[in-house]
N, C-alpha and C. Protein backbone atom coordinates (compact mmCIF):
# COMPACT_ATOMS: atom_id res chain seq x y z
N UNK A 1 2.12 49.91 -167.86
CA UNK A 1 1.55 48.69 -168.15
C UNK A 1 0.07 48.59 -167.63
N UNK A 2 -0.81 48.10 -168.44
CA UNK A 2 -2.23 48.05 -168.04
C UNK A 2 -2.39 46.88 -167.00
N UNK A 3 -3.30 47.27 -166.03
CA UNK A 3 -3.58 46.27 -164.93
C UNK A 3 -5.03 45.81 -165.11
N UNK A 4 -5.26 44.50 -165.18
CA UNK A 4 -6.61 44.01 -165.34
C UNK A 4 -7.43 44.23 -164.05
N UNK A 5 -8.65 44.72 -164.23
CA UNK A 5 -9.53 44.94 -163.14
C UNK A 5 -10.90 44.32 -163.44
N UNK A 6 -11.74 44.23 -162.40
CA UNK A 6 -13.05 43.75 -162.59
C UNK A 6 -14.05 44.98 -162.46
N UNK A 7 -14.95 45.08 -163.45
CA UNK A 7 -15.91 46.14 -163.49
C UNK A 7 -17.30 45.66 -163.46
N UNK A 8 -18.19 46.42 -162.80
CA UNK A 8 -19.61 46.07 -162.83
C UNK A 8 -20.20 46.40 -164.18
N UNK A 9 -20.86 45.42 -164.74
CA UNK A 9 -21.39 45.66 -166.13
C UNK A 9 -22.43 46.73 -166.12
N UNK A 10 -23.25 46.92 -165.04
CA UNK A 10 -24.27 47.93 -165.06
C UNK A 10 -23.69 49.34 -165.07
N UNK A 11 -22.39 49.50 -164.75
CA UNK A 11 -21.79 50.86 -164.77
C UNK A 11 -21.02 51.14 -166.05
N UNK A 12 -21.27 50.31 -167.06
CA UNK A 12 -20.54 50.51 -168.37
C UNK A 12 -21.55 51.04 -169.38
N UNK A 13 -21.15 52.20 -169.97
CA UNK A 13 -21.93 52.77 -171.00
C UNK A 13 -21.39 52.44 -172.41
N UNK A 14 -22.26 51.97 -173.22
CA UNK A 14 -21.84 51.64 -174.62
C UNK A 14 -22.38 52.79 -175.55
N UNK A 15 -21.50 53.54 -176.20
CA UNK A 15 -21.90 54.62 -177.17
C UNK A 15 -22.84 53.95 -178.25
N UNK A 16 -23.85 54.78 -178.63
CA UNK A 16 -24.84 54.26 -179.60
C UNK A 16 -24.12 53.95 -180.90
N UNK A 17 -23.17 54.74 -181.33
CA UNK A 17 -22.43 54.45 -182.55
C UNK A 17 -21.78 53.16 -182.49
N UNK A 18 -21.30 52.68 -181.37
CA UNK A 18 -20.59 51.36 -181.23
C UNK A 18 -21.72 50.28 -181.19
N UNK A 19 -22.90 50.51 -180.67
CA UNK A 19 -23.96 49.56 -180.60
C UNK A 19 -24.43 49.13 -181.94
N UNK A 20 -24.29 50.09 -182.91
CA UNK A 20 -24.75 49.80 -184.29
C UNK A 20 -23.91 48.68 -184.97
N UNK A 21 -22.75 48.37 -184.39
CA UNK A 21 -21.89 47.35 -184.98
C UNK A 21 -22.14 45.98 -184.45
N UNK A 22 -23.06 45.86 -183.57
CA UNK A 22 -23.38 44.57 -182.83
C UNK A 22 -23.86 43.48 -183.77
N UNK A 23 -23.28 42.33 -183.70
CA UNK A 23 -23.55 41.16 -184.51
C UNK A 23 -24.05 40.00 -183.58
N UNK A 24 -25.32 39.76 -183.44
CA UNK A 24 -25.84 38.80 -182.53
C UNK A 24 -25.25 37.42 -182.67
N UNK A 25 -24.94 37.07 -183.92
CA UNK A 25 -24.34 35.73 -184.12
C UNK A 25 -23.00 35.63 -183.45
N UNK A 26 -22.20 36.75 -183.55
CA UNK A 26 -20.90 36.76 -183.01
C UNK A 26 -21.03 36.75 -181.43
N UNK A 27 -22.00 37.40 -180.84
CA UNK A 27 -22.22 37.45 -179.44
C UNK A 27 -22.51 36.00 -178.98
N UNK A 28 -23.38 35.29 -179.70
CA UNK A 28 -23.73 33.87 -179.32
C UNK A 28 -22.47 32.95 -179.38
N UNK A 29 -21.68 33.18 -180.40
CA UNK A 29 -20.45 32.35 -180.51
C UNK A 29 -19.47 32.60 -179.41
N UNK A 30 -19.33 33.88 -179.03
CA UNK A 30 -18.39 34.26 -177.91
C UNK A 30 -18.95 33.74 -176.60
N UNK A 31 -20.25 33.85 -176.47
CA UNK A 31 -20.88 33.34 -175.18
C UNK A 31 -20.61 31.87 -175.04
N UNK A 32 -20.77 31.11 -176.07
CA UNK A 32 -20.58 29.69 -176.04
C UNK A 32 -19.16 29.38 -175.65
N UNK A 33 -18.16 30.16 -176.24
CA UNK A 33 -16.76 29.94 -175.87
C UNK A 33 -16.56 30.26 -174.44
N UNK A 34 -17.14 31.36 -173.95
CA UNK A 34 -16.95 31.76 -172.57
C UNK A 34 -17.48 30.72 -171.62
N UNK A 35 -18.49 30.02 -171.99
CA UNK A 35 -19.06 28.98 -171.05
C UNK A 35 -17.95 27.91 -170.84
N UNK A 36 -17.14 27.58 -171.88
CA UNK A 36 -16.17 26.58 -171.86
C UNK A 36 -14.87 27.10 -171.24
N UNK A 37 -14.47 28.25 -171.65
CA UNK A 37 -13.14 28.73 -171.30
C UNK A 37 -13.05 30.02 -170.41
N UNK A 38 -14.20 30.62 -170.21
CA UNK A 38 -14.26 31.84 -169.43
C UNK A 38 -13.82 33.05 -170.28
N UNK A 39 -13.71 34.23 -169.73
CA UNK A 39 -13.34 35.44 -170.48
C UNK A 39 -11.80 35.44 -170.61
N UNK A 40 -11.38 35.25 -171.77
CA UNK A 40 -9.86 35.24 -172.02
C UNK A 40 -9.27 36.53 -172.28
N UNK A 41 -10.02 37.45 -172.96
CA UNK A 41 -9.48 38.73 -173.34
C UNK A 41 -10.22 39.80 -172.61
N UNK A 42 -9.59 40.71 -171.82
CA UNK A 42 -10.38 41.73 -171.15
C UNK A 42 -10.74 42.82 -172.14
N UNK A 43 -11.83 43.53 -171.76
CA UNK A 43 -12.35 44.60 -172.59
C UNK A 43 -11.59 45.88 -172.24
N UNK A 44 -11.73 46.95 -173.00
CA UNK A 44 -11.07 48.21 -172.63
C UNK A 44 -12.06 49.31 -172.39
N UNK A 45 -11.87 50.06 -171.31
CA UNK A 45 -12.81 51.09 -170.81
C UNK A 45 -12.04 52.38 -170.56
N UNK A 46 -12.80 53.47 -170.67
CA UNK A 46 -12.21 54.75 -170.17
C UNK A 46 -13.16 55.28 -169.13
N UNK A 47 -12.65 56.08 -168.20
CA UNK A 47 -13.43 56.66 -167.18
C UNK A 47 -14.36 57.75 -167.75
N UNK A 48 -15.57 57.73 -167.43
CA UNK A 48 -16.53 58.80 -167.81
C UNK A 48 -17.07 59.47 -166.56
N UNK A 49 -18.06 60.25 -166.66
CA UNK A 49 -18.60 60.91 -165.51
C UNK A 49 -19.58 59.94 -164.82
N UNK A 50 -19.24 59.44 -163.69
CA UNK A 50 -20.08 58.48 -162.90
C UNK A 50 -20.27 57.10 -163.54
N UNK A 51 -19.46 56.80 -164.51
CA UNK A 51 -19.50 55.53 -165.25
C UNK A 51 -18.29 55.27 -166.07
N UNK A 52 -18.24 54.12 -166.67
CA UNK A 52 -17.14 53.78 -167.55
C UNK A 52 -17.71 53.67 -169.03
N UNK A 53 -16.89 54.01 -169.96
CA UNK A 53 -17.37 54.04 -171.36
C UNK A 53 -16.51 53.00 -172.07
N UNK A 54 -17.21 52.17 -172.79
CA UNK A 54 -16.59 51.17 -173.56
C UNK A 54 -15.76 51.63 -174.72
N UNK A 55 -14.55 51.17 -174.79
CA UNK A 55 -13.67 51.55 -175.85
C UNK A 55 -13.53 50.41 -176.84
N UNK A 56 -13.40 49.21 -176.29
CA UNK A 56 -13.18 48.03 -177.13
C UNK A 56 -13.71 46.81 -176.45
N UNK A 57 -14.43 45.92 -177.10
CA UNK A 57 -14.89 44.68 -176.52
C UNK A 57 -16.42 44.57 -176.44
N UNK A 58 -17.14 45.17 -177.34
CA UNK A 58 -18.58 45.18 -177.34
C UNK A 58 -19.16 43.74 -177.32
N UNK A 59 -18.69 42.85 -178.21
CA UNK A 59 -19.20 41.53 -178.30
C UNK A 59 -18.94 40.69 -177.08
N UNK A 60 -17.74 40.90 -176.46
CA UNK A 60 -17.43 40.21 -175.19
C UNK A 60 -18.36 40.60 -174.09
N UNK A 61 -18.59 42.03 -174.03
CA UNK A 61 -19.43 42.50 -173.01
C UNK A 61 -20.91 42.01 -173.15
N UNK A 62 -21.38 42.04 -174.40
CA UNK A 62 -22.79 41.53 -174.62
C UNK A 62 -22.92 40.03 -174.36
N UNK A 63 -21.78 39.29 -174.65
CA UNK A 63 -21.79 37.85 -174.35
C UNK A 63 -22.00 37.59 -172.87
N UNK A 64 -21.21 38.40 -172.10
CA UNK A 64 -21.29 38.23 -170.64
C UNK A 64 -22.68 38.57 -170.14
N UNK A 65 -23.26 39.59 -170.70
CA UNK A 65 -24.60 39.99 -170.29
C UNK A 65 -25.56 38.80 -170.64
N UNK A 66 -25.47 38.28 -171.78
CA UNK A 66 -26.28 37.14 -172.19
C UNK A 66 -26.17 35.97 -171.23
N UNK A 67 -25.02 35.82 -170.65
CA UNK A 67 -24.75 34.68 -169.78
C UNK A 67 -25.19 35.07 -168.26
N UNK A 68 -25.65 36.23 -168.10
CA UNK A 68 -26.15 36.66 -166.79
C UNK A 68 -25.06 37.11 -165.83
N UNK A 69 -23.88 37.42 -166.35
CA UNK A 69 -22.84 37.86 -165.45
C UNK A 69 -23.02 39.31 -165.07
N UNK A 70 -22.49 39.59 -163.93
CA UNK A 70 -22.63 41.01 -163.39
C UNK A 70 -21.36 41.74 -163.41
N UNK A 71 -20.21 41.13 -163.71
CA UNK A 71 -19.00 41.88 -163.79
C UNK A 71 -18.17 41.33 -165.03
N UNK A 72 -17.19 42.10 -165.40
CA UNK A 72 -16.32 41.83 -166.59
C UNK A 72 -14.94 42.27 -166.31
N UNK A 73 -13.94 41.49 -166.78
CA UNK A 73 -12.56 41.88 -166.63
C UNK A 73 -12.21 42.85 -167.70
N UNK A 74 -11.48 43.91 -167.35
CA UNK A 74 -11.17 44.95 -168.32
C UNK A 74 -9.98 45.71 -167.95
N UNK A 75 -9.53 46.55 -168.86
CA UNK A 75 -8.38 47.49 -168.60
C UNK A 75 -8.87 48.92 -168.70
N UNK A 76 -8.56 49.74 -167.75
CA UNK A 76 -8.88 51.09 -167.71
C UNK A 76 -7.83 51.89 -168.55
N UNK A 77 -8.20 52.52 -169.70
CA UNK A 77 -7.30 53.17 -170.57
C UNK A 77 -7.57 54.64 -170.54
N UNK A 78 -6.58 55.41 -171.01
CA UNK A 78 -6.82 56.84 -171.08
C UNK A 78 -6.96 57.12 -172.61
N UNK A 79 -8.18 57.01 -173.11
CA UNK A 79 -8.45 57.17 -174.51
C UNK A 79 -8.70 58.66 -174.80
N UNK A 80 -8.18 59.04 -175.92
CA UNK A 80 -8.40 60.40 -176.34
C UNK A 80 -9.76 60.49 -177.05
N UNK A 81 -10.38 61.57 -176.82
CA UNK A 81 -11.68 61.88 -177.52
C UNK A 81 -11.39 62.45 -178.93
N UNK A 82 -12.12 62.03 -179.89
CA UNK A 82 -11.89 62.46 -181.33
C UNK A 82 -12.75 63.66 -181.60
């Protein structure tokens, strides 16, 4: 079972391919929701060399950055590389 942890946002790498899917309107909508309710759904990360790599949750991560947060709740998963 996955255990929720807190991760420093500055130690999270977002692959360029994933960044291309970023929708600023969706980020703003999620940020507004987070102001009222907090982060409800953790992101998913995998361990990389000296950092964590985002697997799922780009818009949640960017919304937290926009709100000035320094940490994010997430799950550390063992994702296979394709």
